[in-house]
C-alpha atoms as a PDB file:
ATOM      1  CA  MET A   1      -0.004   0.115  -0.003  1.00  0.00           C
ATOM      2  CA  ARG A   2       1.016   3.693  -1.129  1.00  0.00           C
ATOM      3  CA  HIS A   3       0.843   5.884   1.730  1.00  0.00           C
ATOM      4  CA  ARG A   4      -0.649   8.967   1.767  1.00  0.00           C
ATOM      5  CA  PHE A   5       0.331  11.735   4.091  1.00  0.00           C
ATOM      6  CA  ALA A   6      -0.894  15.362   5.320  1.00  0.00           C
ATOM      7  CA  ALA A   7       1.410  17.386   7.741  1.00  0.00           C
ATOM      8  CA  ASP A   8       0.607  20.514   9.123  1.00  0.00           C
ATOM      9  CA  ARG A   9       2.229  23.991   8.960  1.00  0.00           C
ATOM     10  CA  THR A  10       4.714  23.236  11.324  1.00  0.00           C
ATOM     11  CA  LEU A  11       6.439  20.316   8.731  1.00  0.00           C
ATOM     12  CA  GLY A  12       7.024  21.940   5.496  1.00  0.00           C
ATOM     13  CA  LYS A  13      10.952  20.546   5.292  1.00  0.00           C
ATOM     14  CA  LEU A  14       8.914  17.155   6.028  1.00  0.00           C
ATOM     15  CA  ALA A  15       6.398  17.398   3.788  1.00  0.00           C
ATOM     16  CA  LYS A  16       9.496  18.618   0.876  1.00  0.00           C
ATOM     17  CA  TRP A  17      11.109  15.314   1.667  1.00  0.00           C
ATOM     18  CA  LEU A  18       8.559  12.954   1.927  1.00  0.00           C
ATOM     19  CA  ARG A  19       7.238  14.273  -2.064  1.00  0.00           C
ATOM     20  CA  VAL A  20      11.654  13.331  -2.767  1.00  0.00           C
ATOM     21  CA  LEU A  21      11.194   9.874  -1.247  1.00  0.00           C
ATOM     22  CA  GLY A  22       7.992   9.636  -3.897  1.00  0.00           C
ATOM     23  CA  TYR A  23       4.957  10.159  -1.204  1.00  0.00           C
ATOM     24  CA  ASP A  24       1.825  12.124  -1.971  1.00  0.00           C
ATOM     25  CA  THR A  25       1.780  14.400   0.691  1.00  0.00           C
ATOM     26  CA  ILE A  26      -0.199  17.605   1.209  1.00  0.00           C
ATOM     27  CA  PHE A  27       0.998  20.356   3.445  1.00  0.00           C
ATOM     28  CA  GLU A  28      -0.816  22.894   5.194  1.00  0.00           C
ATOM     29  CA  SER A  29       0.462  26.156   3.514  1.00  0.00           C
ATOM     30  CA  ASP A  30      -0.557  24.895   0.221  1.00  0.00           C
ATOM     31  CA  THR A  31      -4.427  25.698   0.772  1.00  0.00           C
ATOM     32  CA  ALA A  32      -6.487  27.597   3.286  1.00  0.00           C
ATOM     33  CA  SER A  33      -5.734  26.563   6.196  1.00  0.00           C
ATOM     34  CA  ASN A  34      -9.419  26.700   7.738  1.00  0.00           C
ATOM     35  CA  SER A  35     -10.548  23.890   5.105  1.00  0.00           C
ATOM     36  CA  PHE A  36      -6.867  21.526   5.570  1.00  0.00           C
ATOM     37  CA  TYR A  37      -8.015  19.331   8.490  1.00  0.00           C
ATOM     38  CA  GLU A  38     -11.773  19.554   7.450  1.00  0.00           C
ATOM     39  CA  ASN A  39     -11.170  18.492   4.339  1.00  0.00           C
ATOM     40  CA  LEU A  40      -8.359  15.693   4.951  1.00  0.00           C
ATOM     41  CA  GLU A  41      -9.276  12.093   2.970  1.00  0.00           C
ATOM     42  CA  ILE A  42      -9.814   9.589   5.832  1.00  0.00           C
ATOM     43  CA  ASP A  43      -6.858   7.648   4.524  1.00  0.00           C
ATOM     44  CA  ARG A  44      -4.231  10.156   4.878  1.00  0.00           C
ATOM     45  CA  ILE A  45      -1.857   9.781   7.623  1.00  0.00           C
ATOM     46  CA  LEU A  46      -1.877  13.415   9.335  1.00  0.00           C
ATOM     47  CA  LEU A  47       1.569  14.187  10.597  1.00  0.00           C
ATOM     48  CA  THR A  48       1.395  17.352  13.294  1.00  0.00           C
ATOM     49  CA  ARG A  49       3.484  18.899  15.938  1.00  0.00           C
ATOM     50  CA  THR A  50       0.493  20.469  17.539  1.00  0.00           C
ATOM     51  CA  GLY A  51      -0.926  18.180  20.567  1.00  0.00           C
ATOM     52  CA  LYS A  52      -4.091  19.987  20.067  1.00  0.00           C
ATOM     53  CA  ILE A  53      -5.059  18.968  16.388  1.00  0.00           C
ATOM     54  CA  GLN A  54      -4.385  15.419  17.004  1.00  0.00           C
ATOM     55  CA  LYS A  55      -7.329  15.154  19.134  1.00  0.00           C
ATOM     56  CA  LYS A  56      -9.676  17.157  17.172  1.00  0.00           C
ATOM     57  CA  PHE A  57      -9.087  15.784  13.616  1.00  0.00           C
ATOM     58  CA  PRO A  58      -8.900  11.666  14.554  1.00  0.00           C
ATOM     59  CA  LEU A  59      -8.223  10.109  10.851  1.00  0.00           C
ATOM     60  CA  ASN A  60      -7.058   6.439  10.771  1.00  0.00           C
ATOM     61  CA  ILE A  61      -3.387   7.293  11.522  1.00  0.00           C
ATOM     62  CA  THR A  62      -2.037  10.403  13.215  1.00  0.00           C
ATOM     63  CA  VAL A  63       1.623  10.445  13.994  1.00  0.00           C
ATOM     64  CA  PHE A  64       2.354  13.299  16.323  1.00  0.00           C
ATOM     65  CA  ILE A  65       6.236  14.417  15.665  1.00  0.00           C
ATOM     66  CA  ALA A  66       8.439  14.728  18.413  1.00  0.00           C
ATOM     67  CA  SER A  67      11.703  16.587  16.734  1.00  0.00           C
ATOM     68  CA  ASN A  68      12.548  19.697  15.588  1.00  0.00           C
ATOM     69  CA  PHE A  69      14.966  18.000  13.048  1.00  0.00           C
ATOM     70  CA  LEU A  70      14.566  16.871   9.598  1.00  0.00           C
ATOM     71  CA  ASP A  71      15.895  13.504  10.126  1.00  0.00           C
ATOM     72  CA  ALA A  72      14.821  12.449  13.272  1.00  0.00           C
ATOM     73  CA  GLN A  73      11.312  13.788  11.912  1.00  0.00           C
ATOM     74  CA  LEU A  74      11.702  11.315   8.944  1.00  0.00           C
ATOM     75  CA  ARG A  75      13.075   9.026  11.321  1.00  0.00           C
ATOM     76  CA  GLN A  76      10.448   8.737  13.209  1.00  0.00           C
ATOM     77  CA  VAL A  77       7.677   8.911  10.581  1.00  0.00           C
ATOM     78  CA  ILE A  78       9.783   5.519   8.627  1.00  0.00           C
ATOM     79  CA  GLU A  79       9.950   3.717  11.646  1.00  0.00           C
ATOM     80  CA  GLU A  80       6.513   4.547  13.087  1.00  0.00           C
ATOM     81  CA  ILE A  81       4.380   3.587   9.682  1.00  0.00           C
ATOM     82  CA  GLY A  82       6.703   0.777   8.995  1.00  0.00           C
ATOM     83  CA  ILE A  83       8.194   1.922   5.349  1.00  0.00           C
ATOM     84  CA  ARG A  84      10.713   0.014   3.976  1.00  0.00           C
ATOM     85  CA  ARG A  85      13.010   1.075   1.445  1.00  0.00           C
ATOM     86  CA  ALA A  86      11.864  -0.936  -1.451  1.00  0.00           C
ATOM     87  CA  GLU A  87       8.397   1.075  -1.347  1.00  0.00           C
ATOM     88  CA  ILE A  88      10.437   4.516  -1.360  1.00  0.00           C
ATOM     89  CA  GLN A  89      10.542   6.391  -5.122  1.00  0.00           C
ATOM     90  CA  PRO A  90      13.174   8.883  -4.841  1.00  0.00           C
ATOM     91  CA  PHE A  91      11.851  11.502  -7.186  1.00  0.00           C
ATOM     92  CA  SER A  92       9.271  10.897  -8.671  1.00  0.00           C
ATOM     93  CA  ARG A  93       6.760  13.411  -7.923  1.00  0.00           C
ATOM     94  CA  CYS A  94       7.130  17.189  -7.981  1.00  0.00           C
ATOM     95  CA  ILE A  95       8.359  18.862  -4.916  1.00  0.00           C
ATOM     96  CA  PRO A  96       5.950  21.993  -5.472  1.00  0.00           C
ATOM     97  CA  CYS A  97       3.177  20.622  -7.252  1.00  0.00           C
ATOM     98  CA  ASN A  98       3.231  17.018  -5.467  1.00  0.00           C
ATOM     99  CA  LEU A  99       1.789  15.798  -8.548  1.00  0.00           C
ATOM    100  CA  LYS A 100       3.667  12.506 -10.068  1.00  0.00           C
ATOM    101  CA  ILE A 101       6.461  13.400 -12.783  1.00  0.00           C
ATOM    102  CA  VAL A 102       6.112  11.883 -16.058  1.00  0.00           C
ATOM    103  CA  ALA A 103       9.063  10.987 -18.826  1.00  0.00           C
ATOM    104  CA  THR A 104       9.640  13.696 -21.489  1.00  0.00           C
ATOM    105  CA  GLY A 105      11.652  13.790 -24.563  1.00  0.00           C
ATOM    106  CA  LYS A 106      15.184  15.079 -24.545  1.00  0.00           C
ATOM    107  CA  ALA A 107      14.036  17.176 -27.948  1.00  0.00           C
ATOM    108  CA  ASP A 108      11.333  18.705 -25.556  1.00  0.00           C
ATOM    109  CA  VAL A 109      13.440  20.095 -22.854  1.00  0.00           C
ATOM    110  CA  PHE A 110      15.914  21.823 -25.501  1.00  0.00           C
ATOM    111  CA  GLY A 111      16.333  25.246 -24.791  1.00  0.00           C
ATOM    112  CA  LYS A 112      14.370  24.525 -21.228  1.00  0.00           C
ATOM    113  CA  VAL A 113      17.641  23.446 -19.408  1.00  0.00           C
ATOM    114  CA  PRO A 114      21.008  24.637 -18.774  1.00  0.00           C
ATOM    115  CA  ASP A 115      23.117  23.992 -22.406  1.00  0.00           C
ATOM    116  CA  TYR A 116      25.785  21.458 -20.102  1.00  0.00           C
ATOM    117  CA  ILE A 117      22.744  19.432 -18.646  1.00  0.00           C
ATOM    118  CA  TRP A 118      21.130  19.265 -22.415  1.00  0.00           C
ATOM    119  CA  GLU A 119      24.345  17.912 -23.358  1.00  0.00           C
ATOM    120  CA  THR A 120      24.997  15.259 -20.484  1.00  0.00           C
ATOM    121  CA  GLN A 121      21.854  14.036 -19.448  1.00  0.00           C
ATOM    122  CA  GLN A 122      19.720  11.607 -21.413  1.00  0.00           C
ATOM    123  CA  ARG A 123      16.750  11.050 -19.135  1.00  0.00           C
ATOM    124  CA  PHE A 124      14.297  13.698 -18.166  1.00  0.00           C
ATOM    125  CA  HIS A 125      10.823  14.083 -16.718  1.00  0.00           C
ATOM    126  CA  ARG A 126       8.759  17.035 -16.497  1.00  0.00           C
ATOM    127  CA  CYS A 127       5.415  18.299 -14.145  1.00  0.00           C
ATOM    128  CA  LYS A 128       2.279  18.176 -15.750  1.00  0.00           C
ATOM    129  CA  ARG A 129       1.115  21.297 -13.787  1.00  0.00           C
ATOM    130  CA  CYS A 130       3.826  23.263 -13.448  1.00  0.00           C
ATOM    131  CA  GLY A 131       6.325  22.372 -16.003  1.00  0.00           C
ATOM    132  CA  ARG A 132       9.407  21.869 -13.844  1.00  0.00           C
ATOM    133  CA  ILE A 133      11.746  19.701 -15.183  1.00  0.00           C
ATOM    134  CA  TYR A 134      13.987  17.016 -13.287  1.00  0.00           C
ATOM    135  CA  TRP A 135      16.583  15.177 -13.977  1.00  0.00           C
ATOM    136  CA  ALA A 136      19.069  13.271 -12.483  1.00  0.00           C
ATOM    137  CA  GLY A 137      22.209  14.982 -10.975  1.00  0.00           C
ATOM    138  CA  SER A 138      24.840  14.898  -8.290  1.00  0.00           C
ATOM    139  CA  HIS A 139      22.058  16.403  -5.891  1.00  0.00           C
ATOM    140  CA  THR A 140      20.265  13.189  -6.339  1.00  0.00           C
ATOM    141  CA  GLU A 141      23.380  11.010  -5.058  1.00  0.00           C
ATOM    142  CA  ARG A 142      23.121  13.339  -1.906  1.00  0.00           C
ATOM    143  CA  SER A 143      19.782  13.421  -1.282  1.00  0.00           C
ATOM    144  CA  LEU A 144      19.365   9.642  -1.216  1.00  0.00           C
ATOM    145  CA  GLU A 145      22.220   9.575   0.923  1.00  0.00           C
ATOM    146  CA  ARG A 146      20.080  11.259   3.938  1.00  0.00           C
ATOM    147  CA  ILE A 147      17.261   8.608   3.312  1.00  0.00           C
ATOM    148  CA  PRO A 148      17.529   6.049   6.450  1.00  0.00           C
END
């Protein structure tokens, strides 16, 4: 089962990193805050650092994040939810939009990425909503090192 998350406004970095790992993660600051909690789908796992929210909006699963530090937050979610490394699909979602990115042809990105990137990379992906273009670079390896 692919886990789906909802992170409140105190967990922006965690939301970003769950998207980096390939998880559908909505983030409170992306929506009108009054409607964020009321409109959560029941199958989303709520991630919060606010105790009163945890009690007010009981979903199937709510994880109260204990740490202020991203690495500890990621570790806690992975351990409490039971995420296995094999489930992780890194860099498969648009980080700002949360949509799955799709493969696009090299010719389609000509003039839209730096010349060096176009000359040295063969595979590109794009977000259908915002048009952001992704490719595997040195940041990919550094990011993967951070994954517990």
